[in-house]
Amino acid sequence: YVHSRGLPSVEANVVQVVQMCRAFGSLGHDVTLFIPRAEEFTTDAHAREKIPHLFGEELPFEIVFVPRIKLFGRLEVLGSVRGTLNALRRHQLDLIYTRNPWSVLFLPRAGVPYVFEAHEEHVHVRSPMLGRFLKRPIVRNSRKPSCALVVTISDALRKIWEGYGVPHDKLLAAHDGVELERFDTSLTKVEARGQLAGLHPSSFILHPSPLVVYAGVLRFDRGIDQMLHAASALPELEFCFVGGSV
């Protein structure tokens, strides 16, 4: 698995990648995650020490930290291409998996079949120009033998990418899943709400308004402005926003 965001982290995309690696391993595959070290950690050893604290256990797969080199203050994937390719070539790999669109620019050079997992219709939400720039090589490379599959997280998204030009036989819709056993479902609704900051159970007993919750990063590209407008227009509902990393 090749990813571009730093580890360890509790960012949703990093957690999803870790869970994917766990899932591959549970199916009997030998998994190696190639990923940069999170910036706040000065050494690989320091980062590895933190991983069990964030994920509750030692991760059951190999982790290879790749160089984190920025170009023009960002574009870390492009700046780290050489180091990532060198790391990939030092390992005996049968398949490479990634959800990062920038990685598709160089993975055909790795000499190993790869899978790209698409999570969105627009490849770069904040920059339509970059989105168009990235979409073209993803579609073009999908027609080459080096691309094994393009996986989408919904059937509707599969149809969108087929419309972009990805061959039908290279597309697979695989919905995101969850490990239900990792969640405690023994709490009542009132008890669960009572554990959330600012939500006192009595307020929902006396005034049982429907509760609408958003949990995640508080960024413009998540539609936060639309949700705030909805909250203003629907005063009969109780809205709760839980998140950070603005």
C-alpha atoms as a PDB file:
ATOM      1  CA  TYR A   1       0.000   0.000   0.000  1.00  0.00           C
ATOM      2  CA  VAL A   2       1.358   3.449  -0.973  1.00  0.00           C
ATOM      3  CA  HIS A   3       0.027   6.531   0.776  1.00  0.00           C
ATOM      4  CA  SER A   4       1.126  10.160   0.982  1.00  0.00           C
ATOM      5  CA  ARG A   5      -0.227  11.477   4.306  1.00  0.00           C
ATOM      6  CA  GLY A   6       1.914  11.135   7.411  1.00  0.00           C
ATOM      7  CA  LEU A   7       1.750   8.299   9.961  1.00  0.00           C
ATOM      8  CA  PRO A   8       0.943   8.149  12.819  1.00  0.00           C
ATOM      9  CA  SER A   9      -2.216  10.233  12.558  1.00  0.00           C
ATOM     10  CA  VAL A  10      -5.907   9.975  13.305  1.00  0.00           C
ATOM     11  CA  GLU A  11      -6.867  11.742  10.078  1.00  0.00           C
ATOM     12  CA  ALA A  12      -9.754   9.869   8.516  1.00  0.00           C
ATOM     13  CA  ASN A  13      -7.861   9.003   5.320  1.00  0.00           C
ATOM     14  CA  VAL A  14      -4.900   7.593   7.289  1.00  0.00           C
ATOM     15  CA  VAL A  15      -7.203   5.543   9.537  1.00  0.00           C
ATOM     16  CA  GLN A  16      -8.949   4.177   6.425  1.00  0.00           C
ATOM     17  CA  VAL A  17      -5.601   3.188   4.909  1.00  0.00           C
ATOM     18  CA  VAL A  18      -4.552   1.435   8.130  1.00  0.00           C
ATOM     19  CA  GLN A  19      -7.855  -0.445   8.206  1.00  0.00           C
ATOM     20  CA  MET A  20      -7.431  -1.457   4.560  1.00  0.00           C
ATOM     21  CA  CYS A  21      -3.978  -2.840   5.338  1.00  0.00           C
ATOM     22  CA  ARG A  22      -5.422  -4.723   8.312  1.00  0.00           C
ATOM     23  CA  ALA A  23      -8.163  -6.136   6.075  1.00  0.00           C
ATOM     24  CA  PHE A  24      -5.692  -7.278   3.413  1.00  0.00           C
ATOM     25  CA  GLY A  25      -3.651  -8.972   6.121  1.00  0.00           C
ATOM     26  CA  SER A  26      -6.723 -10.706   7.578  1.00  0.00           C
ATOM     27  CA  LEU A  27      -7.275 -12.268   4.144  1.00  0.00           C
ATOM     28  CA  GLY A  28      -3.827 -13.864   4.275  1.00  0.00           C
ATOM     29  CA  HIS A  29      -1.780 -11.342   2.310  1.00  0.00           C
ATOM     30  CA  ASP A  30       1.666 -10.063   3.352  1.00  0.00           C
ATOM     31  CA  VAL A  31       1.185  -6.295   3.592  1.00  0.00           C
ATOM     32  CA  THR A  32       3.720  -3.461   3.600  1.00  0.00           C
ATOM     33  CA  LEU A  33       2.611   0.158   4.008  1.00  0.00           C
ATOM     34  CA  PHE A  34       4.876   2.745   2.321  1.00  0.00           C
ATOM     35  CA  ILE A  35       4.062   6.073   3.926  1.00  0.00           C
ATOM     36  CA  PRO A  36       5.811   9.291   5.077  1.00  0.00           C
ATOM     37  CA  ARG A  37       6.490   9.871   8.740  1.00  0.00           C
ATOM     38  CA  ALA A  38       4.204  12.515  10.261  1.00  0.00           C
ATOM     39  CA  GLU A  39       5.995  15.867  10.496  1.00  0.00           C
ATOM     40  CA  GLU A  40       5.707  16.210  14.275  1.00  0.00           C
ATOM     41  CA  PHE A  41       7.946  13.170  14.824  1.00  0.00           C
ATOM     42  CA  THR A  42      11.687  13.696  14.490  1.00  0.00           C
ATOM     43  CA  THR A  43      12.644  10.024  14.070  1.00  0.00           C
ATOM     44  CA  ASP A  44      11.095   6.836  12.704  1.00  0.00           C
ATOM     45  CA  ALA A  45      11.534   5.218  16.128  1.00  0.00           C
ATOM     46  CA  HIS A  46       9.582   8.027  17.806  1.00  0.00           C
ATOM     47  CA  ALA A  47       6.763   7.642  15.270  1.00  0.00           C
ATOM     48  CA  ARG A  48       6.632   3.865  15.749  1.00  0.00           C
ATOM     49  CA  GLU A  49       6.357   4.310  19.523  1.00  0.00           C
ATOM     50  CA  LYS A  50       3.246   6.460  19.062  1.00  0.00           C
ATOM     51  CA  ILE A  51       1.388   4.116  16.696  1.00  0.00           C
ATOM     52  CA  PRO A  52       0.060   1.670  19.373  1.00  0.00           C
ATOM     53  CA  HIS A  53      -1.221   4.603  21.446  1.00  0.00           C
ATOM     54  CA  LEU A  54      -3.286   5.916  18.527  1.00  0.00           C
ATOM     55  CA  PHE A  55      -4.540   2.612  17.142  1.00  0.00           C
ATOM     56  CA  GLY A  56      -4.794   0.575  20.331  1.00  0.00           C
ATOM     57  CA  GLU A  57      -2.276  -2.068  19.295  1.00  0.00           C
ATOM     58  CA  GLU A  58       0.823  -2.745  17.255  1.00  0.00           C
ATOM     59  CA  LEU A  59      -0.182  -2.727  13.603  1.00  0.00           C
ATOM     60  CA  PRO A  60      -0.034  -6.261  12.132  1.00  0.00           C
ATOM     61  CA  PHE A  61       1.848  -5.332   8.962  1.00  0.00           C
ATOM     62  CA  GLU A  62       5.208  -3.892   7.944  1.00  0.00           C
ATOM     63  CA  ILE A  63       5.620  -0.111   7.772  1.00  0.00           C
ATOM     64  CA  VAL A  64       8.277   1.542   5.609  1.00  0.00           C
ATOM     65  CA  PHE A  65       8.683   5.282   6.122  1.00  0.00           C
ATOM     66  CA  VAL A  66       9.502   7.007   2.816  1.00  0.00           C
ATOM     67  CA  PRO A  67      11.178  10.425   2.440  1.00  0.00           C
ATOM     68  CA  ARG A  68       8.930  13.434   2.922  1.00  0.00           C
ATOM     69  CA  ILE A  69      10.225  16.093   0.539  1.00  0.00           C
ATOM     70  CA  LYS A  70       8.203  19.203  -0.286  1.00  0.00           C
ATOM     71  CA  LEU A  71       8.276  21.083  -3.586  1.00  0.00           C
ATOM     72  CA  PHE A  72       7.307  24.759  -3.380  1.00  0.00           C
ATOM     73  CA  GLY A  73       6.203  24.228   0.215  1.00  0.00           C
ATOM     74  CA  ARG A  74       3.756  21.413  -0.691  1.00  0.00           C
ATOM     75  CA  LEU A  75       3.363  18.753  -3.426  1.00  0.00           C
ATOM     76  CA  GLU A  76       4.978  16.206  -1.108  1.00  0.00           C
ATOM     77  CA  VAL A  77       4.054  13.244  -3.311  1.00  0.00           C
ATOM     78  CA  LEU A  78       5.921  14.625  -6.317  1.00  0.00           C
ATOM     79  CA  GLY A  79       8.894  15.606  -4.162  1.00  0.00           C
ATOM     80  CA  SER A  80       9.050  12.122  -2.700  1.00  0.00           C
ATOM     81  CA  VAL A  81       8.723  10.181  -5.966  1.00  0.00           C
ATOM     82  CA  ARG A  82      12.344   9.004  -6.208  1.00  0.00           C
ATOM     83  CA  GLY A  83      12.544   7.849  -2.580  1.00  0.00           C
ATOM     84  CA  THR A  84       9.182   6.073  -2.806  1.00  0.00           C
ATOM     85  CA  LEU A  85      10.093   4.317  -6.056  1.00  0.00           C
ATOM     86  CA  ASN A  86      13.446   3.235  -4.606  1.00  0.00           C
ATOM     87  CA  ALA A  87      11.690   1.835  -1.534  1.00  0.00           C
ATOM     88  CA  LEU A  88       9.165  -0.046  -3.672  1.00  0.00           C
ATOM     89  CA  ARG A  89      11.916  -1.526  -5.850  1.00  0.00           C
ATOM     90  CA  ARG A  90      13.830  -2.790  -2.794  1.00  0.00           C
ATOM     91  CA  HIS A  91      10.880  -5.028  -1.897  1.00  0.00           C
ATOM     92  CA  GLN A  92       9.546  -8.092  -3.678  1.00  0.00           C
ATOM     93  CA  LEU A  93       6.026  -6.910  -4.444  1.00  0.00           C
ATOM     94  CA  ASP A  94       3.178  -8.561  -6.335  1.00  0.00           C
ATOM     95  CA  LEU A  95       0.703  -5.666  -6.267  1.00  0.00           C
ATOM     96  CA  ILE A  96       0.628  -1.984  -5.266  1.00  0.00           C
ATOM     97  CA  TYR A  97      -2.526  -0.354  -3.904  1.00  0.00           C
ATOM     98  CA  THR A  98      -3.166   3.371  -3.420  1.00  0.00           C
ATOM     99  CA  ARG A  99      -5.966   5.869  -2.941  1.00  0.00           C
ATOM    100  CA  ASN A 100      -3.772   8.888  -3.693  1.00  0.00           C
ATOM    101  CA  PRO A 101      -4.265  10.279  -7.236  1.00  0.00           C
ATOM    102  CA  TRP A 102      -0.780  11.837  -7.334  1.00  0.00           C
ATOM    103  CA  SER A 103       0.737   8.381  -6.905  1.00  0.00           C
ATOM    104  CA  VAL A 104      -0.795   7.234 -10.205  1.00  0.00           C
ATOM    105  CA  LEU A 105       1.572   9.644 -11.985  1.00  0.00           C
ATOM    106  CA  PHE A 106       4.578   7.466 -11.100  1.00  0.00           C
ATOM    107  CA  LEU A 107       3.322   4.006 -10.103  1.00  0.00           C
ATOM    108  CA  PRO A 108       3.415   2.702 -13.705  1.00  0.00           C
ATOM    109  CA  ARG A 109       7.223   3.085 -13.402  1.00  0.00           C
ATOM    110  CA  ALA A 110       7.406   0.747 -10.402  1.00  0.00           C
ATOM    111  CA  GLY A 111       7.299  -2.374 -12.567  1.00  0.00           C
ATOM    112  CA  VAL A 112       4.469  -3.906 -10.507  1.00  0.00           C
ATOM    113  CA  PRO A 113       0.707  -3.904 -11.268  1.00  0.00           C
ATOM    114  CA  TYR A 114      -1.194  -1.330  -9.228  1.00  0.00           C
ATOM    115  CA  VAL A 115      -4.754  -0.610  -8.088  1.00  0.00           C
ATOM    116  CA  PHE A 116      -6.116   2.930  -7.695  1.00  0.00           C
ATOM    117  CA  GLU A 117      -8.994   3.433  -5.263  1.00  0.00           C
ATOM    118  CA  ALA A 118     -11.200   6.419  -6.194  1.00  0.00           C
ATOM    119  CA  HIS A 119     -13.145   8.114  -3.405  1.00  0.00           C
ATOM    120  CA  GLU A 120     -14.448  11.126  -5.273  1.00  0.00           C
ATOM    121  CA  GLU A 121     -15.880  12.359  -8.547  1.00  0.00           C
ATOM    122  CA  HIS A 122     -13.571  15.391  -8.500  1.00  0.00           C
ATOM    123  CA  VAL A 123      -9.977  14.260  -8.005  1.00  0.00           C
ATOM    124  CA  HIS A 124      -8.883  17.576  -6.451  1.00  0.00           C
ATOM    125  CA  VAL A 125     -11.810  19.232  -4.706  1.00  0.00           C
ATOM    126  CA  ARG A 126     -10.135  22.570  -3.987  1.00  0.00           C
ATOM    127  CA  SER A 127      -8.585  23.076  -7.435  1.00  0.00           C
ATOM    128  CA  PRO A 128     -10.583  22.124 -10.565  1.00  0.00           C
ATOM    129  CA  MET A 129      -7.470  22.768 -12.668  1.00  0.00           C
ATOM    130  CA  LEU A 130      -5.389  20.270 -10.674  1.00  0.00           C
ATOM    131  CA  GLY A 131      -8.328  17.900 -10.743  1.00  0.00           C
ATOM    132  CA  ARG A 132      -8.383  17.925 -14.545  1.00  0.00           C
ATOM    133  CA  PHE A 133      -4.590  17.566 -14.623  1.00  0.00           C
ATOM    134  CA  LEU A 134      -4.720  14.465 -12.407  1.00  0.00           C
ATOM    135  CA  LYS A 135      -7.781  12.847 -13.959  1.00  0.00           C
ATOM    136  CA  ARG A 136      -6.228  12.588 -17.430  1.00  0.00           C
ATOM    137  CA  PRO A 137      -3.258  10.346 -16.455  1.00  0.00           C
ATOM    138  CA  ILE A 138      -5.460   8.243 -14.147  1.00  0.00           C
ATOM    139  CA  VAL A 139      -7.794   7.474 -17.038  1.00  0.00           C
ATOM    140  CA  ARG A 140      -4.965   7.117 -19.577  1.00  0.00           C
ATOM    141  CA  ASN A 141      -2.933   4.801 -17.341  1.00  0.00           C
ATOM    142  CA  SER A 142      -6.026   2.712 -16.525  1.00  0.00           C
ATOM    143  CA  ARG A 143      -5.915   1.430 -20.112  1.00  0.00           C
ATOM    144  CA  LYS A 144      -2.359   0.124 -19.692  1.00  0.00           C
ATOM    145  CA  PRO A 145      -1.428  -3.378 -18.442  1.00  0.00           C
ATOM    146  CA  SER A 146       0.280  -1.846 -15.383  1.00  0.00           C
ATOM    147  CA  CYS A 147      -3.147  -0.843 -13.998  1.00  0.00           C
ATOM    148  CA  ALA A 148      -4.883  -3.901 -12.556  1.00  0.00           C
ATOM    149  CA  LEU A 149      -8.044  -2.166 -11.338  1.00  0.00           C
ATOM    150  CA  VAL A 150      -9.688   1.145 -10.521  1.00  0.00           C
ATOM    151  CA  VAL A 151     -11.773   0.591  -7.377  1.00  0.00           C
ATOM    152  CA  THR A 152     -14.604   2.992  -6.540  1.00  0.00           C
ATOM    153  CA  ILE A 153     -16.346   3.229  -3.175  1.00  0.00           C
ATOM    154  CA  SER A 154     -19.843   3.229  -4.707  1.00  0.00           C
ATOM    155  CA  ASP A 155     -21.549   1.955  -7.819  1.00  0.00           C
ATOM    156  CA  ALA A 156     -22.592   5.494  -8.740  1.00  0.00           C
ATOM    157  CA  LEU A 157     -18.931   6.534  -8.626  1.00  0.00           C
ATOM    158  CA  ARG A 158     -18.006   3.506 -10.758  1.00  0.00           C
ATOM    159  CA  LYS A 159     -20.363   4.751 -13.466  1.00  0.00           C
ATOM    160  CA  ILE A 160     -18.838   8.243 -13.286  1.00  0.00           C
ATOM    161  CA  TRP A 161     -15.299   6.908 -13.789  1.00  0.00           C
ATOM    162  CA  GLU A 162     -16.471   4.687 -16.615  1.00  0.00           C
ATOM    163  CA  GLY A 163     -17.904   7.832 -18.201  1.00  0.00           C
ATOM    164  CA  TYR A 164     -14.486   9.466 -17.849  1.00  0.00           C
ATOM    165  CA  GLY A 165     -13.025   6.667 -19.958  1.00  0.00           C
ATOM    166  CA  VAL A 166     -11.800   3.969 -17.539  1.00  0.00           C
ATOM    167  CA  PRO A 167     -12.449   0.573 -19.220  1.00  0.00           C
ATOM    168  CA  HIS A 168     -15.487  -1.261 -17.857  1.00  0.00           C
ATOM    169  CA  ASP A 169     -13.476  -4.422 -17.135  1.00  0.00           C
ATOM    170  CA  LYS A 170     -10.953  -2.430 -15.089  1.00  0.00           C
ATOM    171  CA  LEU A 171     -13.608  -1.054 -12.699  1.00  0.00           C
ATOM    172  CA  LEU A 172     -14.770  -2.544  -9.403  1.00  0.00           C
ATOM    173  CA  ALA A 173     -17.223  -0.967  -6.933  1.00  0.00           C
ATOM    174  CA  ALA A 174     -16.310  -1.866  -3.318  1.00  0.00           C
ATOM    175  CA  HIS A 175     -18.168   0.015  -0.602  1.00  0.00           C
ATOM    176  CA  ASP A 176     -16.347   1.124   2.532  1.00  0.00           C
ATOM    177  CA  GLY A 177     -16.938  -1.132   5.509  1.00  0.00           C
ATOM    178  CA  VAL A 178     -16.619  -0.979   9.276  1.00  0.00           C
ATOM    179  CA  GLU A 179     -15.599  -3.375  12.042  1.00  0.00           C
ATOM    180  CA  LEU A 180     -18.740  -3.335  14.179  1.00  0.00           C
ATOM    181  CA  GLU A 181     -17.018  -5.234  16.990  1.00  0.00           C
ATOM    182  CA  ARG A 182     -14.777  -2.193  17.584  1.00  0.00           C
ATOM    183  CA  PHE A 183     -17.783  -0.129  18.699  1.00  0.00           C
ATOM    184  CA  ASP A 184     -19.682  -0.395  21.973  1.00  0.00           C
ATOM    185  CA  THR A 185     -23.393  -0.567  21.149  1.00  0.00           C
ATOM    186  CA  SER A 186     -24.573  -1.265  24.701  1.00  0.00           C
ATOM    187  CA  LEU A 187     -25.252   2.411  25.500  1.00  0.00           C
ATOM    188  CA  THR A 188     -28.748   3.804  25.183  1.00  0.00           C
ATOM    189  CA  LYS A 189     -29.300   6.792  22.911  1.00  0.00           C
ATOM    190  CA  VAL A 190     -29.625   9.122  25.927  1.00  0.00           C
ATOM    191  CA  GLU A 191     -26.425   7.740  27.522  1.00  0.00           C
ATOM    192  CA  ALA A 192     -24.477   8.090  24.285  1.00  0.00           C
ATOM    193  CA  ARG A 193     -25.629  11.668  23.822  1.00  0.00           C
ATOM    194  CA  GLY A 194     -24.753  12.411  27.428  1.00  0.00           C
ATOM    195  CA  GLN A 195     -21.115  11.454  26.794  1.00  0.00           C
ATOM    196  CA  LEU A 196     -20.785  14.075  24.059  1.00  0.00           C
ATOM    197  CA  ALA A 197     -19.517  17.459  25.211  1.00  0.00           C
ATOM    198  CA  GLY A 198     -22.328  19.976  25.581  1.00  0.00           C
ATOM    199  CA  LEU A 199     -25.166  17.462  25.144  1.00  0.00           C
ATOM    200  CA  HIS A 200     -26.827  16.926  28.506  1.00  0.00           C
ATOM    201  CA  PRO A 201     -29.290  14.003  28.484  1.00  0.00           C
ATOM    202  CA  SER A 202     -31.991  16.015  30.280  1.00  0.00           C
ATOM    203  CA  SER A 203     -32.202  18.491  27.414  1.00  0.00           C
ATOM    204  CA  PHE A 204     -33.241  15.684  25.068  1.00  0.00           C
ATOM    205  CA  ILE A 205     -35.744  14.233  27.546  1.00  0.00           C
ATOM    206  CA  LEU A 206     -37.483  17.565  28.101  1.00  0.00           C
ATOM    207  CA  HIS A 207     -37.111  18.751  24.494  1.00  0.00           C
ATOM    208  CA  PRO A 208     -36.775  15.658  22.285  1.00  0.00           C
ATOM    209  CA  SER A 209     -35.786  17.441  19.095  1.00  0.00           C
ATOM    210  CA  PRO A 210     -34.309  15.313  16.311  1.00  0.00           C
ATOM    211  CA  LEU A 211     -30.524  15.460  16.534  1.00  0.00           C
ATOM    212  CA  VAL A 212     -28.425  16.014  13.404  1.00  0.00           C
ATOM    213  CA  VAL A 213     -24.702  15.296  13.904  1.00  0.00           C
ATOM    214  CA  TYR A 214     -21.709  15.990  11.666  1.00  0.00           C
ATOM    215  CA  ALA A 215     -18.401  14.412  12.735  1.00  0.00           C
ATOM    216  CA  GLY A 216     -15.192  15.111  10.841  1.00  0.00           C
ATOM    217  CA  VAL A 217     -12.849  17.855   9.761  1.00  0.00           C
ATOM    218  CA  LEU A 218     -14.301  21.363   9.682  1.00  0.00           C
ATOM    219  CA  ARG A 219     -13.204  22.379   6.192  1.00  0.00           C
ATOM    220  CA  PHE A 220     -14.994  24.217   3.408  1.00  0.00           C
ATOM    221  CA  ASP A 221     -14.668  21.258   1.029  1.00  0.00           C
ATOM    222  CA  ARG A 222     -16.799  19.166   3.410  1.00  0.00           C
ATOM    223  CA  GLY A 223     -19.845  21.379   2.841  1.00  0.00           C
ATOM    224  CA  ILE A 224     -19.749  22.952   6.299  1.00  0.00           C
ATOM    225  CA  ASP A 225     -21.231  26.206   4.905  1.00  0.00           C
ATOM    226  CA  GLN A 226     -24.230  24.285   3.522  1.00  0.00           C
ATOM    227  CA  MET A 227     -24.755  22.535   6.847  1.00  0.00           C
ATOM    228  CA  LEU A 228     -24.686  25.871   8.700  1.00  0.00           C
ATOM    229  CA  HIS A 229     -27.286  27.265   6.298  1.00  0.00           C
ATOM    230  CA  ALA A 230     -29.422  24.165   6.906  1.00  0.00           C
ATOM    231  CA  ALA A 231     -29.102  24.618  10.671  1.00  0.00           C
ATOM    232  CA  SER A 232     -30.295  28.218  10.379  1.00  0.00           C
ATOM    233  CA  ALA A 233     -33.233  27.210   8.192  1.00  0.00           C
ATOM    234  CA  LEU A 234     -34.338  24.321  10.449  1.00  0.00           C
ATOM    235  CA  PRO A 235     -34.541  25.694  14.029  1.00  0.00           C
ATOM    236  CA  GLU A 236     -36.777  22.779  15.056  1.00  0.00           C
ATOM    237  CA  LEU A 237     -33.761  20.440  14.746  1.00  0.00           C
ATOM    238  CA  GLU A 238     -30.750  20.208  17.061  1.00  0.00           C
ATOM    239  CA  PHE A 239     -27.473  20.381  15.089  1.00  0.00           C
ATOM    240  CA  CYS A 240     -24.165  19.209  16.546  1.00  0.00           C
ATOM    241  CA  PHE A 241     -20.809  19.635  14.815  1.00  0.00           C
ATOM    242  CA  VAL A 242     -17.955  17.507  16.175  1.00  0.00           C
ATOM    243  CA  GLY A 243     -14.498  17.885  14.647  1.00  0.00           C
ATOM    244  CA  GLY A 244     -11.384  19.940  14.171  1.00  0.00           C
ATOM    245  CA  SER A 245      -8.315  20.418  11.955  1.00  0.00           C
ATOM    246  CA  VAL A 246      -9.704  23.504  10.257  1.00  0.00           C
END
